[in-house]
Protein backbone atom coordinates (compact mmCIF):
# COMPACT_ATOMS: atom_id res chain seq x y z
CA UNK A 1 18.32 9.54 16.76
CA UNK A 2 15.90 7.67 17.95
CA UNK A 3 16.00 3.66 18.88
CA UNK A 4 13.18 1.61 17.58
CA UNK A 5 10.68 1.63 20.19
CA UNK A 6 11.43 5.81 20.79
CA UNK A 7 10.59 7.63 18.02
CA UNK A 8 10.65 11.46 17.45
CA UNK A 9 9.24 13.78 20.18
CA UNK A 10 5.08 13.70 20.19
CA UNK A 11 3.77 16.15 17.90
CA UNK A 12 0.20 15.04 17.75
CA UNK A 13 0.10 11.34 19.47
CA UNK A 14 -2.74 8.79 19.02
CA UNK A 15 -3.96 7.12 21.64
CA UNK A 16 -5.16 3.40 20.31
CA UNK A 17 -4.17 0.77 18.65
CA UNK A 18 -3.00 0.07 14.67
CA UNK A 19 -5.38 -2.53 12.91
CA UNK A 20 -3.45 -4.35 10.37
CA UNK A 21 -5.85 -6.19 7.71
CA UNK A 22 -3.98 -8.02 5.22
CA UNK A 23 -2.63 -11.31 4.16
CA UNK A 24 -0.68 -13.72 6.33
CA UNK A 25 1.54 -16.19 4.66
CA UNK A 26 4.13 -18.92 5.11
CA UNK A 27 7.40 -17.90 3.29
CA UNK A 28 10.35 -20.06 1.51
CA UNK A 29 13.29 -18.14 1.09
CA UNK A 30 16.08 -19.44 -2.00
CA UNK A 31 19.27 -17.37 -1.77
CA UNK A 32 20.83 -18.18 -4.75
CA UNK A 33 24.08 -16.68 -6.88
CA UNK A 34 23.56 -15.30 -10.33
CA UNK A 35 21.21 -16.63 -12.92
CA UNK A 36 19.21 -19.81 -12.48
CA UNK A 37 20.41 -22.78 -14.34
CA UNK A 38 17.52 -23.58 -15.98
CA UNK A 39 16.37 -27.49 -16.50
CA UNK A 40 18.85 -28.22 -13.98
CA UNK A 41 19.78 -27.57 -10.15
CA UNK A 42 21.07 -23.79 -8.83
CA UNK A 43 22.43 -24.00 -5.11
CA UNK A 44 20.43 -22.36 -3.22
CA UNK A 45 20.10 -21.49 0.61
CA UNK A 46 16.21 -21.91 1.66
CA UNK A 47 14.33 -20.87 4.49
CA UNK A 48 10.79 -21.34 5.61
CA UNK A 49 9.78 -18.12 7.33
CA UNK A 50 6.28 -16.31 8.61
CA UNK A 51 5.56 -13.34 5.78
CA UNK A 52 3.00 -11.86 3.94
CA UNK A 53 2.83 -8.07 3.65
CA UNK A 54 0.10 -7.40 6.08
CA UNK A 55 1.53 -9.68 8.85
CA UNK A 56 5.13 -8.13 8.25
CA UNK A 57 4.20 -4.82 8.77
CA UNK A 58 1.96 -5.49 12.03
CA UNK A 59 5.41 -6.85 13.38
CA UNK A 60 7.47 -4.00 12.01
CA UNK A 61 4.99 -1.89 13.74
CA UNK A 62 5.34 -3.26 16.97
CA UNK A 63 9.15 -3.33 16.83
CA UNK A 64 9.38 -0.14 16.59
CA UNK A 65 6.94 0.60 19.23
CA UNK A 66 3.21 1.05 18.70
CA UNK A 67 2.01 0.01 21.75
CA UNK A 68 -0.83 -2.16 20.82
CA UNK A 69 -1.05 -3.55 17.04
CA UNK A 70 -3.67 -5.97 15.67
CA UNK A 71 -3.95 -8.16 13.25
CA UNK A 72 -6.84 -9.60 10.55
CA UNK A 73 -5.96 -11.92 8.56
CA UNK A 74 -6.86 -15.25 7.09
CA UNK A 75 -5.21 -18.70 6.76
CA UNK A 76 -5.26 -22.32 6.27
CA UNK A 77 -5.59 -24.78 9.27
CA UNK A 78 -2.75 -26.03 7.74
CA UNK A 79 -0.52 -23.39 9.43
CA UNK A 80 -2.73 -21.21 11.78
CA UNK A 81 -1.29 -22.36 14.87
CA UNK A 82 2.57 -21.91 13.71
CA UNK A 83 1.50 -18.22 12.38
CA UNK A 84 -0.52 -17.66 15.48
CA UNK A 85 2.29 -17.87 17.86
CA UNK A 86 5.08 -16.10 15.42
CA UNK A 87 3.09 -12.68 15.50
CA UNK A 88 2.34 -13.31 19.25
CA UNK A 89 6.01 -13.69 19.80
CA UNK A 90 6.40 -10.49 17.64
CA UNK A 91 3.86 -8.79 19.70
CA UNK A 92 0.79 -8.77 18.03
CA UNK A 93 -2.24 -9.36 18.90
CA UNK A 94 -3.64 -11.84 15.95
CA UNK A 95 -7.27 -12.03 14.54
CA UNK A 96 -6.89 -14.93 12.15
CA UNK A 97 -9.70 -16.26 10.34
CA UNK A 98 -8.73 -20.51 9.94
CA UNK A 99 -10.18 -20.63 6.32
CA UNK A 100 -12.25 -24.60 6.16
CA UNK A 101 -11.28 -24.74 2.66
CA UNK A 102 -8.08 -23.00 1.44
CA UNK A 103 -4.77 -23.21 2.86
CA UNK A 104 -2.66 -21.00 4.07
CA UNK A 105 -0.66 -18.64 1.12
CA UNK A 106 2.55 -19.76 0.48
CA UNK A 107 5.24 -17.06 -1.31
CA UNK A 108 8.68 -18.66 -2.78
CA UNK A 109 11.15 -15.42 -2.92
CA UNK A 110 14.15 -16.25 -5.45
CA UNK A 111 16.90 -13.86 -3.79
CA UNK A 112 19.79 -12.95 -5.88
CA UNK A 113 22.66 -13.00 -3.10
CA UNK A 114 24.67 -10.15 -5.37
CA UNK A 115 25.18 -6.85 -4.70
CA UNK A 116 21.83 -5.59 -4.93
CA UNK A 117 19.86 -8.57 -3.52
CA UNK A 118 16.72 -8.13 -5.53
CA UNK A 119 14.15 -10.98 -5.27
CA UNK A 120 11.01 -12.35 -7.30
CA UNK A 121 7.89 -13.92 -6.01
CA UNK A 122 6.21 -16.53 -6.73
CA UNK A 123 2.67 -16.93 -5.42
CA UNK A 124 0.10 -18.69 -4.30
CA UNK A 125 -2.26 -16.69 -2.47
CA UNK A 126 -4.40 -19.48 -1.03
CA UNK A 127 -6.52 -18.43 1.74
CA UNK A 128 -5.11 -15.11 2.28
CA UNK A 129 -7.67 -13.53 -0.45
CA UNK A 130 -10.47 -15.27 0.99
CA UNK A 131 -11.54 -12.66 3.93
CA UNK A 132 -14.61 -11.48 3.09
CA UNK A 133 -17.13 -8.68 4.56
CA UNK A 134 -18.93 -11.61 6.53
CA UNK A 135 -14.87 -11.09 8.79
CA UNK A 136 -14.78 -7.87 9.58
CA UNK A 137 -16.83 -6.39 12.22
CA UNK A 138 -17.37 -3.24 13.19
CA UNK A 139 -16.44 -4.28 16.96
CA UNK A 140 -12.79 -4.88 15.28
CA UNK A 141 -12.52 -0.98 15.53
CA UNK A 142 -13.33 -0.69 19.34
CA UNK A 143 -9.92 1.17 20.69
CA UNK A 144 -8.17 1.28 17.31
CA UNK A 145 -6.73 4.91 16.15
CA UNK A 146 -5.49 3.77 12.57
CA UNK A 147 -6.42 1.02 10.39
CA UNK A 148 -3.99 0.00 7.88
CA UNK A 149 -4.78 -2.65 4.49
CA UNK A 150 -2.60 -4.38 3.36
CA UNK A 151 -3.41 -3.42 -0.91
CA UNK A 152 -3.25 -7.57 -1.59
CA UNK A 153 -6.86 -7.31 -0.57
CA UNK A 154 -7.79 -5.51 -3.78
CA UNK A 155 -6.79 -8.25 -5.65
CA UNK A 156 -9.95 -10.75 -5.10
CA UNK A 157 -13.25 -9.96 -5.15
CA UNK A 158 -14.32 -11.14 -1.63
CA UNK A 159 -11.28 -8.74 -0.13
CA UNK A 160 -12.58 -5.90 -2.13
CA UNK A 161 -15.75 -6.55 -0.92
CA UNK A 162 -13.72 -6.49 2.95
CA UNK A 163 -11.90 -3.20 2.19
CA UNK A 164 -15.33 -1.70 1.34
CA UNK A 165 -16.78 -2.32 4.54
CA UNK A 166 -13.58 -1.31 6.68
CA UNK A 167 -13.48 2.04 4.86
CA UNK A 168 -16.98 2.49 5.56
CA UNK A 169 -16.22 1.68 9.35
CA UNK A 170 -13.41 3.55 9.67
CA UNK A 171 -15.09 6.70 7.84
CA UNK A 172 -18.10 6.66 10.56
CA UNK A 173 -15.48 6.35 13.44
CA UNK A 174 -13.11 8.53 12.32
CA UNK A 175 -10.50 6.59 11.89
CA UNK A 176 -7.12 7.39 9.23
CA UNK A 177 -6.96 4.49 7.25
CA UNK A 178 -3.31 3.90 5.74
CA UNK A 179 -2.92 1.61 2.17
CA UNK A 180 0.41 0.21 0.78
CA UNK A 181 -0.92 -0.61 -2.94
CA UNK A 182 1.82 -4.27 -2.79
CA UNK A 183 2.38 -5.07 -6.30
CA UNK A 184 3.12 -2.91 -9.57
CA UNK A 185 2.83 -6.23 -11.64
CA UNK A 186 -1.33 -7.12 -9.67
CA UNK A 187 -1.99 -3.45 -10.50
CA UNK A 188 -1.39 -4.15 -14.23
CA UNK A 189 -4.01 -7.04 -13.34
CA UNK A 190 -6.59 -4.68 -11.46
CA UNK A 191 -6.33 -1.39 -13.46
CA UNK A 192 -5.08 2.06 -12.07
CA UNK A 193 -8.97 3.56 -12.58
CA UNK A 194 -10.40 0.50 -10.65
CA UNK A 195 -7.43 0.94 -8.17
CA UNK A 196 -8.21 4.76 -7.10
CA UNK A 197 -12.10 3.91 -7.09
CA UNK A 198 -11.31 1.53 -4.73
CA UNK A 199 -9.43 3.79 -2.24
CA UNK A 200 -11.44 7.21 -3.42
CA UNK A 201 -11.65 8.67 0.73
CA UNK A 202 -7.68 6.54 2.09
CA UNK A 203 -5.56 9.07 4.35
CA UNK A 204 -1.88 7.73 3.53
CA UNK A 205 -0.78 5.98 0.47
CA UNK A 206 2.40 4.16 0.93
CA UNK A 207 3.74 3.02 -2.67
CA UNK A 208 6.91 1.93 -4.26
CA UNK A 209 8.24 3.76 -7.12
CA UNK A 210 7.67 1.30 -9.36
CA UNK A 211 3.65 1.36 -8.17
CA UNK A 212 3.98 5.45 -7.94
CA UNK A 213 4.36 5.53 -11.42
CA UNK A 214 2.27 3.00 -12.82
CA UNK A 215 -0.37 4.89 -10.32
CA UNK A 216 0.30 8.08 -12.48
CA UNK A 217 1.51 7.37 -16.00
CA UNK A 218 4.63 8.92 -15.33
CA UNK A 219 8.27 7.85 -15.70
CA UNK A 220 9.58 10.86 -12.66
CA UNK A 221 9.39 9.27 -9.71
CA UNK A 222 8.86 12.45 -8.17
CA UNK A 223 6.32 13.85 -10.54
CA UNK A 224 4.78 10.52 -9.59
CA UNK A 225 4.53 11.31 -6.20
CA UNK A 226 2.76 14.86 -6.28
CA UNK A 227 0.24 13.63 -8.93
CA UNK A 228 -0.88 10.95 -6.67
CA UNK A 229 -1.33 13.34 -3.73
CA UNK A 230 -4.02 15.19 -5.76
CA UNK A 231 -5.88 12.03 -5.07
CA UNK A 232 -4.89 10.67 -1.87
CA UNK A 233 -3.53 13.61 1.25
CA UNK A 234 -0.73 12.44 2.50
CA UNK A 235 1.40 10.01 -0.59
CA UNK A 236 4.77 8.76 1.38
CA UNK A 237 6.46 7.02 -2.07
CA UNK A 238 9.41 4.32 -0.92
CA UNK A 239 12.35 5.02 -3.44
CA UNK A 240 14.60 1.55 -2.41
CA UNK A 241 18.29 2.97 -1.46
CA UNK A 242 17.04 6.42 -2.68
CA UNK A 243 15.01 6.82 0.44
CA UNK A 244 11.62 8.34 0.49
CA UNK A 245 9.32 11.36 -0.53
CA UNK A 246 6.65 12.99 1.16
CA UNK A 247 3.65 14.63 -0.70
CA UNK A 248 0.91 16.74 0.21
CA UNK A 249 -1.75 18.74 -1.95
CA UNK A 250 0.58 17.96 -5.32
CA UNK A 251 3.65 19.12 -4.30
CA UNK A 252 6.55 17.04 -2.99
CA UNK A 253 7.70 18.66 0.38
CA UNK A 254 10.41 16.51 1.61
CA UNK A 255 13.13 14.08 0.27
CA UNK A 256 14.00 11.56 2.92
CA UNK A 257 17.61 10.30 2.46
CA UNK A 258 18.16 5.99 2.63
CA UNK A 259 20.20 4.84 5.48
CA UNK A 260 23.56 3.37 4.72
CA UNK A 261 23.45 -0.56 4.66
CA UNK A 262 24.57 -3.98 3.17
CA UNK A 263 21.68 -6.01 1.80
CA UNK A 264 21.35 -9.58 2.15
CA UNK A 265 17.34 -9.55 1.41
CA UNK A 266 14.96 -7.23 0.05
CA UNK A 267 11.99 -9.27 0.80
CA UNK A 268 9.82 -7.06 3.56
CA UNK A 269 11.62 -4.07 3.44
CA UNK A 270 8.65 -2.09 2.05
CA UNK A 271 6.74 -3.54 4.79
CA UNK A 272 9.57 -2.47 7.34
CA UNK A 273 8.87 1.13 6.17
CA UNK A 274 5.30 0.81 6.64
CA UNK A 275 5.35 -0.68 10.39
CA UNK A 276 8.16 1.81 11.49
CA UNK A 277 5.99 4.67 9.43
CA UNK A 278 3.07 3.77 11.17
CA UNK A 279 4.31 3.36 14.62
CA UNK A 280 6.12 6.96 14.69
CA UNK A 281 2.94 8.58 13.19
CA UNK A 282 1.08 7.18 16.09
CA UNK A 283 3.48 8.18 18.43
CA UNK A 284 3.00 11.75 17.28
CA UNK A 285 6.02 12.28 14.21
CA UNK A 286 5.13 14.40 11.99
CA UNK A 287 4.68 12.91 7.91
CA UNK A 288 8.73 13.44 7.28
CA UNK A 289 10.06 12.28 10.91
CA UNK A 290 8.23 9.34 10.44
CA UNK A 291 9.50 8.45 7.23
CA UNK A 292 12.65 9.02 8.33
CA UNK A 293 12.09 5.94 10.84
CA UNK A 294 10.08 3.99 7.88
CA UNK A 295 13.96 4.13 6.13
CA UNK A 296 15.82 3.51 9.13
CA UNK A 297 13.77 -0.29 9.16
CA UNK A 298 14.08 -0.40 5.76
CA UNK A 299 17.68 -0.92 6.31
CA UNK A 300 17.47 -3.23 9.33
CA UNK A 301 15.05 -5.04 7.32
CA UNK A 302 17.63 -5.71 4.07
CA UNK A 303 20.38 -6.76 6.24
CA UNK A 304 17.73 -9.61 7.31
CA UNK A 305 16.54 -12.85 5.71
CA UNK A 306 13.31 -12.83 5.70
CA UNK A 307 10.84 -10.13 5.86
CA UNK A 308 10.15 -9.76 9.48
CA UNK A 309 12.40 -7.45 12.09
CA UNK A 310 14.23 -9.46 14.26
CA UNK A 311 13.00 -11.66 17.78
CA UNK A 312 11.80 -9.28 20.96
CA UNK A 313 14.96 -9.47 23.37
């Protein structure tokens, strides 16, 4: 079994950086046990940590051995320096646009400390969804071997326009592009047909089970992953405690089991999977091997509080 940063034996190594474009937010995590007590107090352990799906993916990719990881995101002046320091300490090269008007996005994560460690998010996207085409430059792809886009970018008009510009640039340069749909709740608001139209030309899609079922209208996760792979060449469907499925050309080609774990907080588990998957893919792993690395990272993530990997060293 490989160690973080030492992926499977190279099969088709890609030399160059991973560029992640996505959200950078401040997570306020409240871990409580049992149902919330309406109208009164509920005891909880509360922590404030750096987060955001895009930022988390970048940090996990760096932790899992990707040689160079860059992140384009938008933050408010209130927390820009804090986030930049946290990203740099995690081995990520930040390219943060400081918004002159909006504060940094904030997510309140309510985590039930029962056996499943399930979480509920209250999201104020703030500056994170104010990325726009003016923040994009073709030069951002200089030296880049892979582009990953956070699905959260599709949930506002300015950042949708940035996605279109980034996809056009990537296609012109022959840079593969992946996306994590990010949120079943936001997908309902956006609309399935609109989502599929916006991601046309994508190379890899990494949905959760709920997202895959929502995007296809199919209740069975295997059928959903298979159908999605008719739209996107490679689909890696994350199944939580059931591992992951790899689908191509309308067929599920592999089911990778999850690693045994004792969950404390499932926040960022999917981001950990995606970051490790991309790091392994860049190192030359086949998709099935990369998905195995993703499951290992997801298992590590749920044993920690917050969505980021352990501090380096």
